[in-house]
Amino acid sequence: MKKSALNRMVDIHFEIPTDWKNGVPFDQNPYPSVLVDITSRCNMRCKFCYYPEQDQADISLERFRHLCGALPFPVLMKLAGGEPTLHPQLPEIIQIAVEHKHRIYVCSNGMKYRDPDFMESLQPLKKLPAGFGLGLSMDGGTENAKAYELITGRDCLNDKLEAFQALAQNSHSKVSLTAIIVRGLNEDVIPQLVDLAKNNPDTVGYLHFRNAGKVGAFVDTEPYSLEEIKALTQPYFSEEEFAQACLGEVHCPPGNGRTCCYRFRPNRRLQISLIEFVSDRAANCPKRGRVVLGEDRIFPLFHSIRNEI
C-alpha cells in the first residue's frame, strides 16, 4: 500500500528525546500527531473529563500561528480543549493550520453542530486547498441513552443524532465518530456505530473506539485493554476486513513493538481505530504529542493527561 506523505514522515521523525517527560520546544517537535488545546471552556460536564479547569484564556491567533510556523514538519493536528468549537475564531485557526500544511481534525462533542450559524461559519473553509476533519463523540451510539447519561452527565441521545444529521447535510469532509467504551455499560455502541458508518458512507470516514481511563466516575472501573477492544469489535467483520491496515493517519512502523492501538480498513472508504487510552504502555507512545494552554513546549500526549488525572 502506498504511504501518504505524512506516514512517510513517521518513519523519519519517530524518536522521542531522552527528557521527553519535560516536553520539547515547538521547533524540536518529534511527534507526527499533535493535540492542541485551544480553549479550556466546555458546554458539557462529562464524568470522565481530565480537564476540569475552565478558566484559562483561549489560545490567541498570534500564538497559534507561531506554533504552526515553528513545527519542523507538517503534522496531523487535533484541535481540542475543552470544547474546540467554542473558540470564537475556530475558522481562522483551521485556515492558519492548513496554510502551514498541517492536517486538521476537530475533536468535538458536537453540540455546536446543531447551530446553523456555526455550520455556516465553516462554509468558506471548503475553498481551502486541503480539507479538515470534524469529529463527533457518540459514547451512547444511536440508541443507548443510559450510556450518554452516565458518561456525559445527561441524556443527550437526541442531541447527538441531531448533530450527526447536521454533519451529514453540511459535510466539509469525512466525519470521525468516536466512542469511549466502558466495561459493562456501552459495548452495544460498537455495532451501532459500525452500522451508522456503513449506512452513511459519504459522511463517515473514521470510527475510533477507545477504553475509558480510570478517572472521574470510572476510577474504580477496570478499563478494557486493546486486546479486549479488538475482541469486542472483530465479530462484526470478516477476517479479511479486520486485517491490520492504515491509510492517511499516523501509524506505527511494522515491528516497532507498539501495542496500544490497532487500525484496519473494512473497505476503501472507512478506517477504524482501536485505542488503549492512558495505560502504562500508551503513556510511552512516541507518536502523539500535546500542546497545553499556556505552555511553550510539546508534551507526550498520554503522559500529560495522566499528570492531570
Protein backbone atom coordinates (compact mmCIF):
# COMPACT_ATOMS: atom_id res chain seq x y z
CA MET A 1 0.00 0.00 0.00
CA LYS A 2 1.36 3.42 -0.95
CA LYS A 3 2.07 5.65 2.03
CA SER A 4 0.82 9.19 2.39
CA ALA A 5 3.36 11.98 2.79
CA LEU A 6 2.54 12.16 6.50
CA ASN A 7 3.04 8.45 7.02
CA ARG A 8 6.39 8.57 5.23
CA MET A 9 7.44 11.21 7.75
CA VAL A 10 6.57 8.91 10.63
CA ASP A 11 9.42 6.62 9.66
CA ILE A 12 11.83 9.57 9.92
CA HIS A 13 10.54 11.52 12.93
CA PHE A 14 9.82 8.76 15.40
CA GLU A 15 12.38 9.03 18.18
CA ILE A 16 11.40 10.90 21.33
CA PRO A 17 14.06 12.77 23.32
CA THR A 18 15.57 11.32 26.47
CA ASP A 19 13.93 14.05 28.58
CA TRP A 20 10.55 13.59 26.89
CA LYS A 21 8.51 13.88 30.10
CA ASN A 22 9.61 17.52 30.39
CA GLY A 23 8.43 18.33 26.89
CA VAL A 24 10.30 19.84 23.95
CA PRO A 25 10.21 23.28 22.28
CA PHE A 26 7.85 23.66 19.34
CA ASP A 27 10.69 23.72 16.82
CA GLN A 28 12.05 20.39 18.12
CA ASN A 29 8.75 18.53 17.93
CA PRO A 30 9.30 14.80 17.20
CA TYR A 31 5.60 13.84 17.16
CA PRO A 32 3.75 13.29 13.86
CA SER A 33 0.41 13.76 15.66
CA VAL A 34 -0.08 16.78 17.95
CA LEU A 35 -3.18 17.52 20.02
CA VAL A 36 -3.57 21.26 20.64
CA ASP A 37 -5.74 22.61 23.45
CA ILE A 38 -7.24 25.81 22.05
CA THR A 39 -9.74 26.52 24.84
CA SER A 40 -10.44 25.29 28.36
CA ARG A 41 -14.15 26.08 28.13
CA CYS A 42 -16.74 23.38 27.51
CA ASN A 43 -20.51 23.16 27.08
CA MET A 44 -20.76 19.75 28.75
CA ARG A 45 -19.66 18.22 32.07
CA CYS A 46 -18.60 14.70 31.15
CA LYS A 47 -17.81 12.38 34.03
CA PHE A 48 -14.55 11.15 32.51
CA CYS A 49 -13.11 14.63 31.93
CA TYR A 50 -9.43 15.05 32.76
CA TYR A 51 -9.55 18.83 32.13
CA PRO A 52 -11.82 20.24 34.87
CA GLU A 53 -10.28 23.73 34.96
CA GLN A 54 -12.18 26.03 32.59
CA ASP A 55 -10.89 29.48 33.46
CA GLN A 56 -7.84 29.72 31.20
CA ALA A 57 -7.79 32.13 28.30
CA ASP A 58 -8.34 30.77 24.79
CA ILE A 59 -5.28 30.42 22.59
CA SER A 60 -4.74 33.57 20.54
CA LEU A 61 -4.39 33.59 16.76
CA GLU A 62 -0.91 35.03 17.17
CA ARG A 63 0.19 32.20 19.43
CA PHE A 64 -1.41 29.55 17.26
CA ARG A 65 0.25 30.98 14.16
CA HIS A 66 3.59 30.87 15.98
CA LEU A 67 3.03 27.20 16.87
CA CYS A 68 2.10 26.25 13.30
CA GLY A 69 5.14 28.00 11.86
CA ALA A 70 7.59 26.68 14.43
CA LEU A 71 6.82 22.98 13.97
CA PRO A 72 9.67 21.46 11.95
CA PHE A 73 7.42 19.35 9.68
CA PRO A 74 3.69 19.04 8.88
CA VAL A 75 1.69 17.13 11.48
CA LEU A 76 -1.74 15.70 12.00
CA MET A 77 -3.08 18.43 14.31
CA LYS A 78 -6.04 17.64 16.53
CA LEU A 79 -7.83 20.68 17.96
CA ALA A 80 -9.18 20.01 21.43
CA GLY A 81 -9.62 21.53 24.87
CA GLY A 82 -12.19 21.94 26.42
CA GLU A 83 -14.59 22.01 23.53
CA PRO A 84 -12.78 23.49 20.49
CA THR A 85 -15.95 24.62 18.71
CA LEU A 86 -16.41 27.21 21.49
CA HIS A 87 -13.31 29.09 20.33
CA PRO A 88 -14.75 32.18 18.57
CA GLN A 89 -12.00 32.10 15.93
CA LEU A 90 -12.08 28.41 15.07
CA PRO A 91 -12.42 29.01 11.28
CA GLU A 92 -9.35 31.27 11.34
CA ILE A 93 -7.42 28.68 13.38
CA ILE A 94 -8.22 25.96 10.85
CA GLN A 95 -7.21 28.21 7.97
CA ILE A 96 -3.86 29.09 9.60
CA ALA A 97 -3.06 25.41 10.20
CA VAL A 98 -3.90 24.40 6.63
CA GLU A 99 -1.83 27.29 5.26
CA HIS A 100 1.14 25.77 7.13
CA LYS A 101 0.31 22.40 5.53
CA HIS A 102 -0.84 20.73 8.73
CA ARG A 103 -3.77 18.34 8.54
CA ILE A 104 -6.61 19.29 10.88
CA TYR A 105 -9.10 17.31 12.91
CA VAL A 106 -11.56 18.89 15.37
CA CYS A 107 -12.23 16.76 18.49
CA SER A 108 -15.80 17.76 19.36
CA ASN A 109 -18.79 16.69 21.41
CA GLY A 110 -20.88 18.01 18.52
CA MET A 111 -23.28 20.28 20.38
CA LYS A 112 -22.33 23.29 18.22
CA TYR A 113 -23.01 21.38 15.01
CA ARG A 114 -26.71 21.82 15.76
CA ASP A 115 -26.27 25.59 15.36
CA PRO A 116 -26.87 26.58 11.71
CA ASP A 117 -24.88 29.78 12.16
CA PHE A 118 -21.86 27.82 13.36
CA MET A 119 -22.05 25.41 10.44
CA GLU A 120 -22.39 28.35 8.08
CA SER A 121 -19.22 29.90 9.54
CA LEU A 122 -17.29 26.84 8.32
CA GLN A 123 -18.55 27.09 4.73
CA PRO A 124 -15.68 29.31 3.45
CA LEU A 125 -13.19 26.66 4.56
CA LYS A 126 -14.39 24.39 1.76
CA LYS A 127 -12.22 26.50 -0.55
CA LEU A 128 -9.02 25.60 1.29
CA PRO A 129 -6.54 23.50 -0.71
CA ALA A 130 -6.64 20.77 1.92
CA GLY A 131 -9.61 19.51 3.86
CA PHE A 132 -10.18 19.24 7.56
CA GLY A 133 -11.99 16.63 9.60
CA LEU A 134 -14.80 17.12 12.07
CA GLY A 135 -15.24 14.71 14.95
CA LEU A 136 -18.36 13.75 16.88
CA SER A 137 -18.23 11.79 20.13
CA MET A 138 -21.10 9.29 20.38
CA ASP A 139 -20.48 7.36 23.59
CA GLY A 140 -24.06 6.11 23.60
CA GLY A 141 -24.17 5.33 19.90
CA THR A 142 -27.56 5.68 18.24
CA GLU A 143 -29.67 4.04 20.96
CA ASN A 144 -28.03 3.88 24.39
CA ALA A 145 -29.44 6.88 26.26
CA LYS A 146 -28.33 5.42 29.60
CA ALA A 147 -24.70 5.42 28.48
CA TYR A 148 -24.91 9.08 27.49
CA GLU A 149 -26.38 9.94 30.89
CA LEU A 150 -23.75 8.02 32.85
CA ILE A 151 -20.77 9.11 30.73
CA THR A 152 -21.64 12.70 29.81
CA GLY A 153 -23.84 13.52 32.78
CA ARG A 154 -27.02 13.97 30.77
CA ASP A 155 -29.25 12.15 28.31
CA CYS A 156 -28.11 13.79 25.08
CA LEU A 157 -29.00 10.99 22.66
CA ASN A 158 -31.32 13.17 20.58
CA ASP A 159 -28.76 16.00 20.58
CA LYS A 160 -26.10 13.63 19.23
CA LEU A 161 -28.39 12.33 16.49
CA GLU A 162 -29.25 15.91 15.55
CA ALA A 163 -25.56 16.79 15.42
CA PHE A 164 -24.89 13.82 13.15
CA GLN A 165 -27.66 14.86 10.79
CA ALA A 166 -26.21 18.38 10.64
CA LEU A 167 -22.84 16.92 9.65
CA ALA A 168 -24.44 14.70 7.03
CA GLN A 169 -26.21 17.68 5.48
CA ASN A 170 -23.26 20.08 5.69
CA SER A 171 -20.30 17.77 5.28
CA HIS A 172 -16.96 19.51 4.72
CA SER A 173 -15.02 16.25 4.69
CA LYS A 174 -15.36 12.76 6.07
CA VAL A 175 -16.57 12.75 9.69
CA SER A 176 -14.94 10.80 12.52
CA LEU A 177 -17.25 9.18 15.07
CA THR A 178 -15.67 8.36 18.41
CA ALA A 179 -16.81 6.40 21.45
CA ILE A 180 -15.37 5.61 24.85
CA ILE A 181 -16.18 2.01 25.69
CA VAL A 182 -16.85 1.45 29.41
CA ARG A 183 -16.87 -2.09 30.75
CA GLY A 184 -20.41 -3.34 31.33
CA LEU A 185 -22.08 -0.15 30.10
CA ASN A 186 -21.97 0.52 26.36
CA GLU A 187 -20.41 -2.32 24.41
CA ASP A 188 -23.53 -2.22 22.20
CA VAL A 189 -22.32 1.12 20.83
CA ILE A 190 -19.71 -0.65 18.67
CA PRO A 191 -22.20 -2.37 16.30
CA GLN A 192 -24.45 0.69 16.36
CA LEU A 193 -21.71 2.99 15.09
CA VAL A 194 -20.46 0.38 12.62
CA ASP A 195 -23.97 0.26 11.15
CA LEU A 196 -24.18 4.06 11.13
CA ALA A 197 -20.91 4.26 9.21
CA LYS A 198 -21.92 1.57 6.72
CA ASN A 199 -25.28 3.25 6.12
CA ASN A 200 -23.68 6.69 5.63
CA PRO A 201 -20.51 6.06 3.60
CA ASP A 202 -20.49 9.58 2.14
CA THR A 203 -20.43 11.11 5.62
CA VAL A 204 -18.46 8.78 7.91
CA GLY A 205 -14.83 8.09 7.09
CA TYR A 206 -13.48 7.10 10.50
CA LEU A 207 -14.55 5.26 13.63
CA HIS A 208 -12.47 5.48 16.80
CA PHE A 209 -13.17 3.23 19.78
CA ARG A 210 -11.12 3.58 22.95
CA ASN A 211 -11.25 2.40 26.51
CA ALA A 212 -12.12 4.64 29.47
CA GLY A 213 -9.33 5.85 31.70
CA LYS A 214 -9.54 5.44 35.46
CA VAL A 215 -10.86 8.92 36.06
CA GLY A 216 -13.99 10.59 37.38
CA ALA A 217 -16.95 8.25 37.63
CA PHE A 218 -14.86 5.38 36.25
CA VAL A 219 -11.95 5.50 38.68
CA ASP A 220 -12.94 2.07 40.05
CA THR A 221 -13.89 0.55 36.68
CA GLU A 222 -11.28 -1.71 35.10
CA PRO A 223 -10.55 -0.33 31.63
CA TYR A 224 -10.66 -2.56 28.60
CA SER A 225 -7.28 -3.47 27.17
CA LEU A 226 -6.59 -3.11 23.46
CA GLU A 227 -6.84 -6.88 23.10
CA GLU A 228 -10.30 -6.83 24.69
CA ILE A 229 -11.49 -3.96 22.46
CA LYS A 230 -10.30 -5.93 19.44
CA ALA A 231 -12.25 -8.96 20.67
CA LEU A 232 -15.39 -6.81 21.06
CA THR A 233 -15.04 -5.36 17.55
CA GLN A 234 -13.84 -8.29 15.44
CA PRO A 235 -17.17 -10.24 15.35
CA TYR A 236 -18.72 -7.53 13.15
CA PHE A 237 -16.17 -8.00 10.38
CA SER A 238 -14.78 -10.78 8.28
CA GLU A 239 -11.19 -11.90 8.78
CA GLU A 240 -10.19 -10.05 5.63
CA GLU A 241 -11.96 -6.84 6.68
CA PHE A 242 -10.32 -6.93 10.12
CA ALA A 243 -6.77 -7.31 8.78
CA GLN A 244 -4.46 -4.56 10.03
CA ALA A 245 -4.19 -1.65 7.60
CA CYS A 246 -3.80 2.10 7.86
CA LEU A 247 -4.10 4.93 5.37
CA GLY A 248 -3.92 8.66 5.86
CA GLU A 249 -3.34 8.55 9.60
CA VAL A 250 -0.29 8.34 11.84
CA HIS A 251 0.64 4.74 12.49
CA CYS A 252 3.48 2.70 13.95
CA PRO A 253 6.05 1.27 11.54
CA PRO A 254 5.95 -2.54 11.42
CA GLY A 255 7.96 -4.31 14.07
CA ASN A 256 8.47 -1.42 16.46
CA GLY A 257 6.67 -3.19 19.29
CA ARG A 258 3.97 -0.60 19.99
CA THR A 259 0.84 -2.30 21.28
CA CYS A 260 -1.62 0.44 22.30
CA CYS A 261 -3.50 0.90 19.01
CA TYR A 262 -4.83 -1.12 16.08
CA ARG A 263 -6.19 0.18 12.78
CA PHE A 264 -7.99 -1.60 9.98
CA ARG A 265 -9.94 -0.74 6.84
CA PRO A 266 -13.03 -2.91 6.22
CA ASN A 267 -13.48 -1.09 2.91
CA ARG A 268 -11.71 1.65 0.99
CA ARG A 269 -13.99 4.38 2.38
CA LEU A 270 -13.77 3.58 6.09
CA GLN A 271 -10.93 3.33 8.60
CA ILE A 272 -11.40 2.10 12.17
CA SER A 273 -9.03 2.77 15.04
CA LEU A 274 -8.98 0.89 18.34
CA ILE A 275 -7.08 2.75 21.06
CA GLU A 276 -5.87 1.86 24.53
CA PHE A 277 -6.01 5.11 26.50
CA VAL A 278 -3.72 6.24 29.35
CA SER A 279 -2.38 2.79 30.17
CA ASP A 280 1.27 2.20 31.09
CA ARG A 281 2.15 1.19 27.55
CA ALA A 282 0.12 4.01 25.97
CA ALA A 283 1.83 6.57 28.20
CA ASN A 284 5.09 6.00 26.34
CA CYS A 285 3.60 6.35 22.85
CA PRO A 286 6.19 8.21 20.72
CA LYS A 287 3.85 9.41 18.00
CA ARG A 288 1.38 11.66 19.84
CA GLY A 289 2.23 14.97 21.50
CA ARG A 290 0.13 17.64 23.17
CA VAL A 291 0.26 21.42 23.43
CA VAL A 292 -1.33 22.53 26.69
CA LEU A 293 -2.78 26.02 27.09
CA GLY A 294 -0.18 28.42 28.44
CA GLU A 295 2.78 26.11 27.80
CA ASP A 296 5.67 26.74 25.40
CA ARG A 297 6.54 23.08 24.96
CA ILE A 298 5.05 19.92 23.50
CA PHE A 299 4.49 17.03 25.89
CA PRO A 300 3.78 13.32 25.32
CA LEU A 301 0.01 13.14 24.99
CA PHE A 302 -0.90 10.35 27.36
CA HIS A 303 1.78 11.19 29.90
CA SER A 304 0.49 14.77 30.15
CA ILE A 305 -3.07 13.54 30.65
CA ARG A 306 -2.01 11.12 33.37
CA ASN A 307 -0.45 14.04 35.24
CA GLU A 308 -3.85 15.80 35.22
CA ILE A 309 -5.92 12.83 36.37
